[in-house]
Amino acid sequence: MDDVAPVAQRRRWEKKKARGAATATATLPEDVVIEILGRVADAEDVVTLFRCATACNRWRDLVSDPSFLRDRRPHPSSSLLFGFFAQQRPYRAHTVSADPIIGARSPAFVPAPRSPLGPGRRSLGSFVSCVADNLDFDDAEPLFARHSLLLVRLVPRRGAPVDDVGAGRTLVHLAVCNLLAGTCDVLPPLKCRASSRIQKCAILTHTDSCSNGQSPSSPLPSFSQVLVLVYNGGSRNYNLCTFSSADWSWSPPPRNCFSDPELRVKGSSAVICEGMARWLVSDGLNVYTLEVGTDNSQFFLRDLPAPPEHHDSYGIPLLSVANDGTLSMLLIDGCCCWLQIWTLQGGEESGSGDDGDDDVVDVDWICTKEIELKPPKLTHMECLECLCVGERSSTLLVMDTFIRSVCFVDIETRAVDEVTERFRRLNLETVVPFEMDWQAFFVSRLEGPRAKVRENP
């Protein structure tokens, strides 16, 4: 009993002290509290700022105020939570089954330099907690990302029942994860030939579908269509498969994109420009864009002039969208020393539908910027390849395929950061850029979780 009394007395003293601190905090003027919280935000200590916001309702209201967050991150690029998603390397019996940094084998999020979340990697499961009964994020492959939406290909769990879809056919399981809302929409299975493969994908949002520049009623981004290009190796053609969120079904039947077997879809993923998904297509000599809009009853194969340095460049060029909304192309010169950015300028292109007969009216490529690729820790890079580029952040990911080094290239500041270690144990062929509004993400986490899963109705 003698030992119990001091413990109880100490607990009473600690509670009294906590009540006194809470009373003192409540009496602080609001401008003083904002100044204190602002210094935490200016130090870019997001974890501490989040803990402060959850301390009491008063602090939560101050921190979640849009003007408070906006004043602390005044530059447009700094308001983005930007990084890359990539698939973890496949499991092998003689190696560990998961990355020790992020745990389970779900896709990993690699933050860009100076990210508000810090340099550490995070699993997709830390943003979206669950998927469906027979599907999960283990060994899932990221396919395309836009705004806060991430399209992934899911793998059935071991021992899950297998649907009989007939000889030579297979089912592709896809899901759209909204990391801002914390939801995961599992799409109905897509039936494909067993010899085919998912080549390229794109997501069109309801904002793209709105006419007259009107915004959708919901402030959260949501998808209206998922576009999937399926390549059939036997017939050497591309079929376009479209999923509509309004009908919650795939539109039958898949359509052949172009008849020329020499045409190949290039680059890492589609770019969304003027409400249309555009892929770079080439036969080795000529350059085209395959364009699909929200009204995908008709799509275009548009003929474009090739940039003058196109045939002398190294690797595969990437399509991008400039700040003014015009198409751009990223090329690495033949010496792998310079990144060249070419912007499409001039008159309007004209094109027809599925027949591929197109004309071009007064358009040409202009080299608007060159960036020397000289990372601080590497003296020489020999075999550079552009992996992917952000839609709004102007950040490019490049890889030296010879020494397997990876670099971030900031197109605006021309800064080059070597980040090879951040992509250790990840499959670089599956890297997709991911962007999300940092302020909206911060506030959504303060509001708490939402409904997690939507499965087939």
Protein backbone atom coordinates (compact mmCIF):
# COMPACT_ATOMS: atom_id res chain seq x y z
CA MET A 1 0.00 0.00 0.00
CA ASP A 2 2.89 2.33 0.66
CA ASP A 3 4.01 1.87 -2.98
CA VAL A 4 0.55 2.55 -4.35
CA ALA A 5 0.10 5.98 -2.74
CA PRO A 6 2.98 7.74 -4.54
CA VAL A 7 1.84 6.33 -7.89
CA ALA A 8 -1.72 7.54 -7.43
CA GLN A 9 -0.46 10.92 -6.23
CA ARG A 10 1.78 11.25 -9.30
CA ARG A 11 -1.11 10.40 -11.64
CA ARG A 12 -3.30 13.04 -10.02
CA TRP A 13 -0.50 15.59 -10.42
CA GLU A 14 -0.05 14.69 -14.10
CA LYS A 15 -3.79 15.08 -14.79
CA LYS A 16 -3.81 18.43 -13.01
CA LYS A 17 -0.81 19.56 -15.02
CA ALA A 18 -2.47 18.48 -18.30
CA ARG A 19 -5.66 20.39 -17.39
CA GLY A 20 -3.59 23.46 -16.59
CA ALA A 21 -1.76 23.24 -19.93
CA ALA A 22 -5.04 22.84 -21.80
CA THR A 23 -6.48 25.86 -19.99
CA ALA A 24 -3.41 27.95 -20.80
CA THR A 25 -3.58 26.91 -24.44
CA ALA A 26 -7.26 27.77 -24.68
CA THR A 27 -6.59 31.28 -23.38
CA LEU A 28 -3.92 32.05 -25.96
CA PRO A 29 -4.98 34.65 -28.56
CA GLU A 30 -5.79 33.20 -31.96
CA ASP A 31 -3.03 35.11 -33.76
CA VAL A 32 -0.46 33.66 -31.35
CA VAL A 33 -1.70 30.12 -31.97
CA ILE A 34 -1.59 30.71 -35.75
CA GLU A 35 1.98 31.99 -35.44
CA ILE A 36 3.02 28.87 -33.50
CA LEU A 37 1.34 26.48 -35.91
CA GLY A 38 2.72 28.46 -38.85
CA ARG A 39 6.27 27.94 -37.64
CA VAL A 40 5.64 24.21 -37.46
CA ALA A 41 4.29 24.28 -41.05
CA ASP A 42 7.18 26.45 -42.28
CA ALA A 43 9.58 23.86 -40.93
CA GLU A 44 7.85 21.34 -43.28
CA ASP A 45 7.26 19.01 -40.35
CA VAL A 46 3.99 17.55 -41.61
CA VAL A 47 3.81 14.83 -38.95
CA THR A 48 4.06 17.31 -36.07
CA LEU A 49 1.59 19.66 -37.76
CA PHE A 50 -0.89 16.80 -38.13
CA ARG A 51 -0.50 15.90 -34.44
CA CYS A 52 -1.10 19.53 -33.50
CA ALA A 53 -4.26 19.58 -35.61
CA THR A 54 -5.62 16.52 -33.82
CA ALA A 55 -4.90 17.94 -30.35
CA CYS A 56 -8.16 19.89 -30.12
CA ASN A 57 -11.02 21.12 -32.29
CA ARG A 58 -9.77 24.69 -32.19
CA TRP A 59 -6.34 23.81 -33.61
CA ARG A 60 -7.93 21.47 -36.12
CA ASP A 61 -10.13 24.27 -37.49
CA LEU A 62 -7.15 26.63 -37.74
CA VAL A 63 -4.85 24.15 -39.49
CA SER A 64 -7.51 22.87 -41.91
CA ASP A 65 -8.37 26.39 -43.04
CA PRO A 66 -7.44 26.62 -46.76
CA SER A 67 -5.82 30.04 -46.33
CA PHE A 68 -3.50 28.71 -43.60
CA LEU A 69 -2.20 25.85 -45.76
CA ARG A 70 -2.02 27.99 -48.89
CA ASP A 71 0.05 30.70 -47.19
CA ARG A 72 2.53 28.09 -46.00
CA ARG A 73 3.03 26.63 -49.49
CA PRO A 74 2.73 29.65 -51.82
CA HIS A 75 4.22 28.11 -54.97
CA PRO A 76 1.83 26.08 -57.20
CA SER A 77 4.28 23.18 -57.56
CA SER A 78 4.74 22.96 -53.77
CA SER A 79 0.98 22.35 -53.32
CA LEU A 80 1.38 18.97 -55.06
CA LEU A 81 2.09 15.75 -53.26
CA PHE A 82 4.16 14.22 -56.03
CA GLY A 83 5.96 10.92 -56.42
CA PHE A 84 5.96 7.63 -58.27
CA PHE A 85 4.19 4.31 -57.79
CA ALA A 86 5.98 1.12 -58.80
CA GLN A 87 5.45 -2.59 -58.42
CA GLN A 88 7.64 -4.49 -56.01
CA ARG A 89 9.80 -7.11 -57.63
CA PRO A 90 8.11 -10.54 -57.93
CA TYR A 91 8.45 -12.93 -55.04
CA ARG A 92 11.11 -15.61 -55.30
CA ALA A 93 11.58 -18.53 -52.95
CA HIS A 94 15.23 -17.76 -52.21
CA THR A 95 14.61 -14.07 -51.41
CA VAL A 96 12.48 -12.19 -48.92
CA SER A 97 8.83 -12.01 -49.90
CA ALA A 98 8.42 -8.30 -49.24
CA ASP A 99 10.40 -5.10 -49.19
CA PRO A 100 11.61 -4.61 -45.61
CA ILE A 101 11.14 -0.85 -45.99
CA ILE A 102 7.40 -0.87 -46.70
CA GLY A 103 6.36 -4.39 -45.69
CA ALA A 104 3.71 -6.22 -47.73
CA ARG A 105 4.12 -6.66 -51.48
CA SER A 106 1.70 -3.91 -52.51
CA PRO A 107 2.91 -1.20 -54.93
CA ALA A 108 5.28 1.33 -53.35
CA PHE A 109 4.95 5.11 -53.41
CA VAL A 110 8.32 6.84 -53.83
CA PRO A 111 8.10 10.57 -52.91
CA ALA A 112 9.90 13.12 -55.03
CA PRO A 113 12.69 15.18 -53.44
CA ARG A 114 11.50 17.74 -50.89
CA SER A 115 8.12 16.03 -50.57
CA PRO A 116 5.98 17.10 -47.58
CA LEU A 117 5.78 13.41 -46.63
CA GLY A 118 9.55 13.12 -46.41
CA PRO A 119 11.87 10.76 -48.32
CA GLY A 120 10.49 7.46 -46.98
CA ARG A 121 8.55 5.04 -49.17
CA ARG A 122 4.97 4.05 -48.45
CA SER A 123 2.85 1.15 -49.62
CA LEU A 124 -0.41 1.61 -51.50
CA GLY A 125 -2.07 -0.15 -48.56
CA SER A 126 -1.19 2.82 -46.34
CA PHE A 127 -3.44 5.03 -48.51
CA VAL A 128 -6.21 2.52 -49.30
CA SER A 129 -6.64 -0.22 -46.73
CA CYS A 130 -8.50 -3.01 -48.52
CA VAL A 131 -9.75 -4.20 -51.89
CA ALA A 132 -12.06 -7.23 -52.25
CA ASP A 133 -12.58 -10.78 -51.02
CA ASN A 134 -10.47 -12.64 -53.57
CA LEU A 135 -8.21 -9.77 -54.68
CA ASP A 136 -5.65 -7.68 -52.86
CA PHE A 137 -2.72 -5.36 -53.50
CA ASP A 138 -0.02 -8.04 -53.19
CA ASP A 139 1.95 -8.10 -56.47
CA ALA A 140 -0.46 -5.54 -57.96
CA GLU A 141 0.87 -3.51 -60.89
CA PRO A 142 0.26 0.25 -61.22
CA LEU A 143 -0.84 1.12 -64.76
CA PHE A 144 -1.81 4.80 -64.86
CA ALA A 145 -2.30 7.71 -62.46
CA ARG A 146 -3.95 11.06 -62.76
CA HIS A 147 -4.64 13.60 -60.03
CA SER A 148 -5.43 11.42 -56.99
CA LEU A 149 -6.62 8.42 -59.05
CA LEU A 150 -4.46 5.32 -59.53
CA LEU A 151 -5.34 2.46 -61.87
CA VAL A 152 -3.86 -0.89 -60.80
CA ARG A 153 -4.00 -4.43 -62.10
CA LEU A 154 -4.85 -6.85 -59.30
CA VAL A 155 -3.73 -10.43 -58.84
CA PRO A 156 -6.14 -13.02 -57.35
CA ARG A 157 -5.10 -14.36 -54.00
CA ARG A 158 -3.53 -17.77 -53.82
CA GLY A 159 -6.19 -20.43 -53.48
CA ALA A 160 -8.98 -18.15 -54.74
CA PRO A 161 -11.52 -19.84 -57.05
CA VAL A 162 -10.76 -19.41 -60.77
CA ASP A 163 -13.58 -18.57 -63.17
CA ASP A 164 -13.88 -20.73 -66.27
CA VAL A 165 -13.77 -18.31 -69.23
CA GLY A 166 -12.96 -20.82 -71.95
CA ALA A 167 -9.81 -22.00 -73.66
CA GLY A 168 -7.39 -19.30 -74.75
CA ARG A 169 -9.12 -16.62 -72.67
CA THR A 170 -8.23 -14.91 -69.41
CA LEU A 171 -9.68 -12.33 -67.02
CA VAL A 172 -7.93 -9.07 -66.22
CA HIS A 173 -8.80 -7.55 -62.84
CA LEU A 174 -8.49 -3.77 -62.58
CA ALA A 175 -9.27 -1.28 -59.82
CA VAL A 176 -9.30 2.52 -59.57
CA CYS A 177 -7.97 3.76 -56.23
CA ASN A 178 -8.84 7.29 -55.11
CA LEU A 179 -6.13 8.11 -52.59
CA LEU A 180 -7.71 11.44 -51.72
CA ALA A 181 -11.07 9.88 -50.84
CA GLY A 182 -9.57 6.65 -49.51
CA THR A 183 -11.76 4.50 -51.78
CA CYS A 184 -11.09 1.61 -54.16
CA ASP A 185 -13.43 0.83 -57.08
CA VAL A 186 -12.95 -2.74 -58.31
CA LEU A 187 -14.01 -2.90 -61.96
CA PRO A 188 -15.77 -5.89 -63.52
CA PRO A 189 -13.22 -8.34 -65.00
CA LEU A 190 -12.06 -7.63 -68.54
CA LYS A 191 -12.07 -10.74 -70.73
CA CYS A 192 -9.06 -10.93 -73.06
CA ARG A 193 -7.12 -13.45 -75.09
CA ALA A 194 -4.53 -15.33 -73.08
CA SER A 195 -1.84 -14.29 -75.61
CA SER A 196 -2.67 -10.57 -75.33
CA ARG A 197 -1.33 -8.07 -72.83
CA ILE A 198 -2.36 -4.73 -71.38
CA GLN A 199 -0.21 -2.24 -73.27
CA LYS A 200 -1.33 1.25 -72.23
CA CYS A 201 -4.11 2.77 -70.10
CA ALA A 202 -5.69 6.12 -69.33
CA ILE A 203 -8.28 7.62 -66.98
CA LEU A 204 -10.76 10.30 -68.01
CA THR A 205 -12.45 12.17 -65.17
CA HIS A 206 -15.86 13.79 -64.92
CA THR A 207 -14.10 17.14 -65.33
CA ASP A 208 -13.05 16.04 -68.82
CA SER A 209 -16.63 15.06 -69.56
CA CYS A 210 -18.13 18.40 -68.48
CA SER A 211 -19.05 20.70 -71.34
CA ASN A 212 -18.78 24.48 -71.47
CA GLY A 213 -15.99 24.40 -68.89
CA GLN A 214 -18.39 23.60 -66.05
CA SER A 215 -17.04 21.81 -63.03
CA PRO A 216 -18.60 18.66 -61.61
CA SER A 217 -20.71 18.94 -58.49
CA SER A 218 -18.33 16.87 -56.32
CA PRO A 219 -15.07 18.56 -55.24
CA LEU A 220 -13.31 15.19 -55.18
CA PRO A 221 -11.89 13.88 -58.48
CA SER A 222 -13.77 10.90 -59.86
CA PHE A 223 -13.33 8.88 -63.01
CA SER A 224 -15.86 8.67 -65.81
CA GLN A 225 -14.00 6.28 -68.14
CA VAL A 226 -11.07 3.88 -68.10
CA LEU A 227 -9.36 3.35 -71.47
CA VAL A 228 -7.27 0.23 -72.01
CA LEU A 229 -5.17 -0.59 -75.06
CA VAL A 230 -4.78 -4.36 -75.42
CA TYR A 231 -2.03 -5.60 -77.74
CA ASN A 232 -2.58 -8.93 -79.51
CA GLY A 233 0.77 -10.44 -80.44
CA GLY A 234 -0.65 -12.91 -82.95
CA SER A 235 -2.50 -10.38 -85.08
CA ARG A 236 -0.12 -7.51 -84.16
CA ASN A 237 -2.92 -5.04 -83.54
CA TYR A 238 -4.21 -2.85 -80.73
CA ASN A 239 -7.76 -3.05 -79.43
CA LEU A 240 -9.37 -0.26 -77.43
CA CYS A 241 -11.48 -1.37 -74.45
CA THR A 242 -13.55 1.29 -72.65
CA PHE A 243 -15.10 1.13 -69.21
CA SER A 244 -17.87 3.58 -68.30
CA SER A 245 -18.54 4.41 -64.66
CA ALA A 246 -22.07 5.53 -65.56
CA ASP A 247 -23.02 2.09 -66.91
CA TRP A 248 -20.48 0.28 -64.72
CA SER A 249 -19.55 -2.02 -67.57
CA TRP A 250 -17.11 -2.50 -70.43
CA SER A 251 -18.39 -1.41 -73.82
CA PRO A 252 -18.46 -4.35 -76.25
CA PRO A 253 -16.85 -5.18 -78.51
CA PRO A 254 -13.19 -4.01 -78.41
CA ARG A 255 -12.25 -2.02 -81.52
CA ASN A 256 -9.09 -2.16 -83.58
CA CYS A 257 -7.21 1.15 -83.26
CA PHE A 258 -5.35 1.02 -86.59
CA SER A 259 -4.80 -1.53 -89.31
CA ASP A 260 -1.08 -0.94 -90.02
CA PRO A 261 0.85 -3.69 -88.15
CA GLU A 262 4.04 -1.59 -88.22
CA LEU A 263 2.58 1.06 -85.93
CA ARG A 264 3.57 0.84 -82.27
CA VAL A 265 2.38 2.80 -79.26
CA LYS A 266 5.42 4.47 -77.70
CA GLY A 267 6.16 6.16 -74.40
CA SER A 268 5.19 5.26 -70.87
CA SER A 269 1.55 6.38 -70.73
CA ALA A 270 -1.07 8.66 -72.23
CA VAL A 271 -1.28 12.40 -71.71
CA ILE A 272 -4.62 14.11 -71.19
CA CYS A 273 -4.95 17.25 -73.29
CA GLU A 274 -8.19 19.16 -73.94
CA GLY A 275 -10.25 16.35 -72.45
CA MET A 276 -8.71 13.68 -74.70
CA ALA A 277 -6.28 10.85 -74.00
CA ARG A 278 -3.36 10.92 -76.42
CA TRP A 279 -0.77 8.23 -77.01
CA LEU A 280 2.40 8.61 -79.06
CA VAL A 281 2.42 6.24 -82.06
CA SER A 282 5.25 5.66 -84.53
CA ASP A 283 6.32 3.26 -87.27
CA GLY A 284 9.98 4.18 -86.87
CA LEU A 285 9.85 7.03 -89.40
CA ASN A 286 6.59 8.89 -88.92
CA VAL A 287 5.00 10.22 -85.74
CA TYR A 288 1.29 10.10 -84.86
CA THR A 289 -0.96 10.54 -81.87
CA LEU A 290 -3.83 8.18 -81.12
CA GLU A 291 -6.54 10.37 -79.57
CA VAL A 292 -9.62 9.20 -77.68
CA GLY A 293 -12.11 11.54 -76.01
CA THR A 294 -14.97 11.11 -73.59
CA ASP A 295 -17.26 10.48 -76.56
CA ASN A 296 -15.16 7.54 -77.75
CA SER A 297 -17.56 6.42 -80.45
CA GLN A 298 -14.85 7.75 -82.74
CA PHE A 299 -11.10 8.04 -82.23
CA PHE A 300 -8.36 9.61 -84.31
CA LEU A 301 -4.92 8.67 -85.54
CA ARG A 302 -3.44 12.12 -86.09
CA ASP A 303 -0.40 12.66 -88.28
CA LEU A 304 2.26 14.96 -86.80
CA PRO A 305 5.58 16.25 -88.12
CA ALA A 306 8.56 14.58 -86.45
CA PRO A 307 10.92 16.86 -84.47
CA PRO A 308 14.21 17.47 -86.32
CA GLU A 309 16.19 15.59 -83.65
CA HIS A 310 13.75 12.67 -83.49
CA HIS A 311 15.87 10.19 -85.45
CA ASP A 312 19.11 11.18 -83.68
CA SER A 313 17.70 10.89 -80.17
CA TYR A 314 18.38 8.04 -77.75
CA GLY A 315 15.62 5.87 -76.35
CA ILE A 316 11.88 6.39 -76.63
CA PRO A 317 10.51 9.96 -76.58
CA LEU A 318 7.76 10.96 -74.17
CA LEU A 319 4.65 13.01 -74.80
CA SER A 320 3.89 15.73 -72.27
CA VAL A 321 1.66 18.77 -71.87
CA ALA A 322 3.18 22.24 -71.50
CA ASN A 323 1.90 24.78 -68.97
CA ASP A 324 -0.24 26.44 -71.64
CA GLY A 325 -1.89 23.12 -72.55
CA THR A 326 0.02 22.47 -75.79
CA LEU A 327 1.60 19.13 -76.63
CA SER A 328 5.30 18.68 -75.88
CA MET A 329 7.79 15.93 -76.63
CA LEU A 330 10.78 15.04 -74.44
CA LEU A 331 13.89 13.69 -76.18
CA ILE A 332 17.36 12.72 -75.00
CA ASP A 333 20.11 13.54 -77.47
CA GLY A 334 22.27 10.80 -78.98
CA CYS A 335 25.16 11.55 -76.59
CA CYS A 336 22.85 11.18 -73.54
CA CYS A 337 24.01 14.55 -72.24
CA TRP A 338 21.02 16.79 -72.88
CA LEU A 339 17.26 16.60 -72.43
CA GLN A 340 15.45 18.45 -75.20
CA ILE A 341 11.88 19.70 -74.86
CA TRP A 342 10.01 20.26 -78.12
CA THR A 343 6.65 22.06 -78.14
CA LEU A 344 4.06 21.71 -80.90
CA GLN A 345 3.22 25.16 -82.25
CA GLY A 346 1.31 26.57 -85.18
CA GLY A 347 -2.19 26.04 -86.61
CA GLU A 348 -4.75 23.42 -85.79
CA GLU A 349 -4.34 19.82 -86.84
CA SER A 350 -7.13 18.14 -88.72
CA GLY A 351 -7.89 14.45 -88.77
CA SER A 352 -10.49 11.85 -89.49
CA GLY A 353 -11.73 8.90 -87.55
CA ASP A 354 -10.93 5.24 -87.63
CA ASP A 355 -9.69 5.15 -91.24
CA GLY A 356 -6.47 6.96 -90.32
CA ASP A 357 -6.48 9.40 -93.28
CA ASP A 358 -5.23 12.62 -91.70
CA ASP A 359 -3.94 16.02 -92.72
CA VAL A 360 -1.80 18.54 -90.85
CA VAL A 361 -2.19 22.30 -91.23
CA ASP A 362 0.80 24.51 -90.39
CA VAL A 363 2.09 22.78 -87.26
CA ASP A 364 5.70 22.29 -86.32
CA TRP A 365 7.89 21.41 -83.36
CA ILE A 366 9.98 24.12 -81.68
CA CYS A 367 12.77 23.30 -79.22
CA THR A 368 11.88 25.43 -76.20
CA LYS A 369 14.35 24.16 -73.59
CA GLU A 370 17.48 22.07 -73.15
CA ILE A 371 18.65 20.65 -69.81
CA GLU A 372 22.10 19.22 -69.21
CA LEU A 373 21.79 15.79 -67.58
CA LYS A 374 24.61 15.94 -65.07
CA PRO A 375 23.64 14.48 -61.70
CA PRO A 376 25.88 15.50 -58.79
CA LYS A 377 27.01 12.00 -57.76
CA LEU A 378 27.55 10.44 -61.18
CA THR A 379 30.25 11.58 -63.54
CA HIS A 380 28.94 9.97 -66.71
CA MET A 381 25.69 8.49 -67.99
CA GLU A 382 25.73 6.35 -71.12
CA CYS A 383 22.33 4.80 -71.89
CA LEU A 384 19.63 7.17 -70.67
CA GLU A 385 15.95 6.40 -71.00
CA CYS A 386 12.98 8.62 -70.09
CA LEU A 387 10.69 6.57 -67.86
CA CYS A 388 7.81 8.98 -67.17
CA VAL A 389 6.98 12.61 -66.49
CA GLY A 390 4.49 14.28 -64.16
CA GLU A 391 1.42 15.98 -65.58
CA ARG A 392 1.55 19.17 -63.48
CA SER A 393 4.78 18.95 -61.47
CA SER A 394 7.17 19.09 -64.46
CA THR A 395 9.31 16.35 -62.93
CA LEU A 396 10.89 13.71 -65.15
CA LEU A 397 12.24 10.32 -64.13
CA VAL A 398 15.20 9.05 -66.18
CA MET A 399 17.23 5.86 -65.88
CA ASP A 400 20.64 4.80 -67.10
CA THR A 401 19.92 1.30 -68.38
CA PHE A 402 23.63 0.38 -68.31
CA ILE A 403 24.48 1.12 -64.66
CA ARG A 404 20.81 1.01 -63.46
CA SER A 405 20.92 4.48 -61.88
CA VAL A 406 17.77 6.60 -61.52
CA CYS A 407 17.48 10.42 -61.47
CA PHE A 408 14.79 13.04 -60.95
CA VAL A 409 14.93 15.94 -63.40
CA ASP A 410 13.06 19.13 -62.48
CA ILE A 411 12.18 20.68 -65.84
CA GLU A 412 11.46 24.11 -64.34
CA THR A 413 14.58 24.52 -62.17
CA ARG A 414 16.82 22.21 -64.27
CA ALA A 415 17.91 20.45 -61.08
CA VAL A 416 18.98 16.79 -61.35
CA ASP A 417 18.86 14.51 -58.28
CA GLU A 418 20.25 10.98 -58.21
CA VAL A 419 17.70 8.78 -56.37
CA THR A 420 18.71 5.21 -57.23
CA GLU A 421 18.44 3.98 -53.65
CA ARG A 422 14.82 5.07 -53.39
CA PHE A 423 13.84 2.61 -56.13
CA ARG A 424 15.69 -0.38 -54.72
CA ARG A 425 13.73 -3.67 -55.07
CA LEU A 426 11.16 -2.01 -57.38
CA ASN A 427 10.27 -2.95 -60.95
CA LEU A 428 11.20 0.17 -62.93
CA GLU A 429 9.19 -1.00 -65.94
CA THR A 430 6.00 -0.38 -63.94
CA VAL A 431 6.77 3.16 -62.70
CA VAL A 432 3.92 5.68 -63.08
CA PRO A 433 3.97 9.32 -61.91
CA PHE A 434 1.44 10.25 -59.24
CA GLU A 435 0.20 13.73 -58.29
CA MET A 436 -2.27 14.79 -55.63
CA ASP A 437 -3.20 18.09 -54.04
CA TRP A 438 -1.28 18.19 -50.75
CA GLN A 439 -3.71 20.52 -48.96
CA ALA A 440 -6.76 18.43 -49.90
CA PHE A 441 -4.96 15.25 -48.84
CA PHE A 442 -4.01 16.76 -45.48
CA VAL A 443 -7.56 17.91 -44.77
CA SER A 444 -9.05 14.57 -45.90
CA ARG A 445 -6.91 12.75 -43.35
CA LEU A 446 -8.15 15.09 -40.63
CA GLU A 447 -11.74 14.34 -41.60
CA GLY A 448 -11.19 10.62 -41.12
CA PRO A 449 -11.66 7.56 -43.38
CA ARG A 450 -14.46 7.10 -45.86
CA ALA A 451 -16.05 3.99 -47.30
CA LYS A 452 -13.22 1.85 -48.59
CA VAL A 453 -14.41 -0.52 -51.28
CA ARG A 454 -16.88 -0.61 -54.10
CA GLU A 455 -17.24 -3.91 -55.88
CA ASN A 456 -19.22 -5.05 -58.89
CA PRO A 457 -22.94 -4.33 -58.42
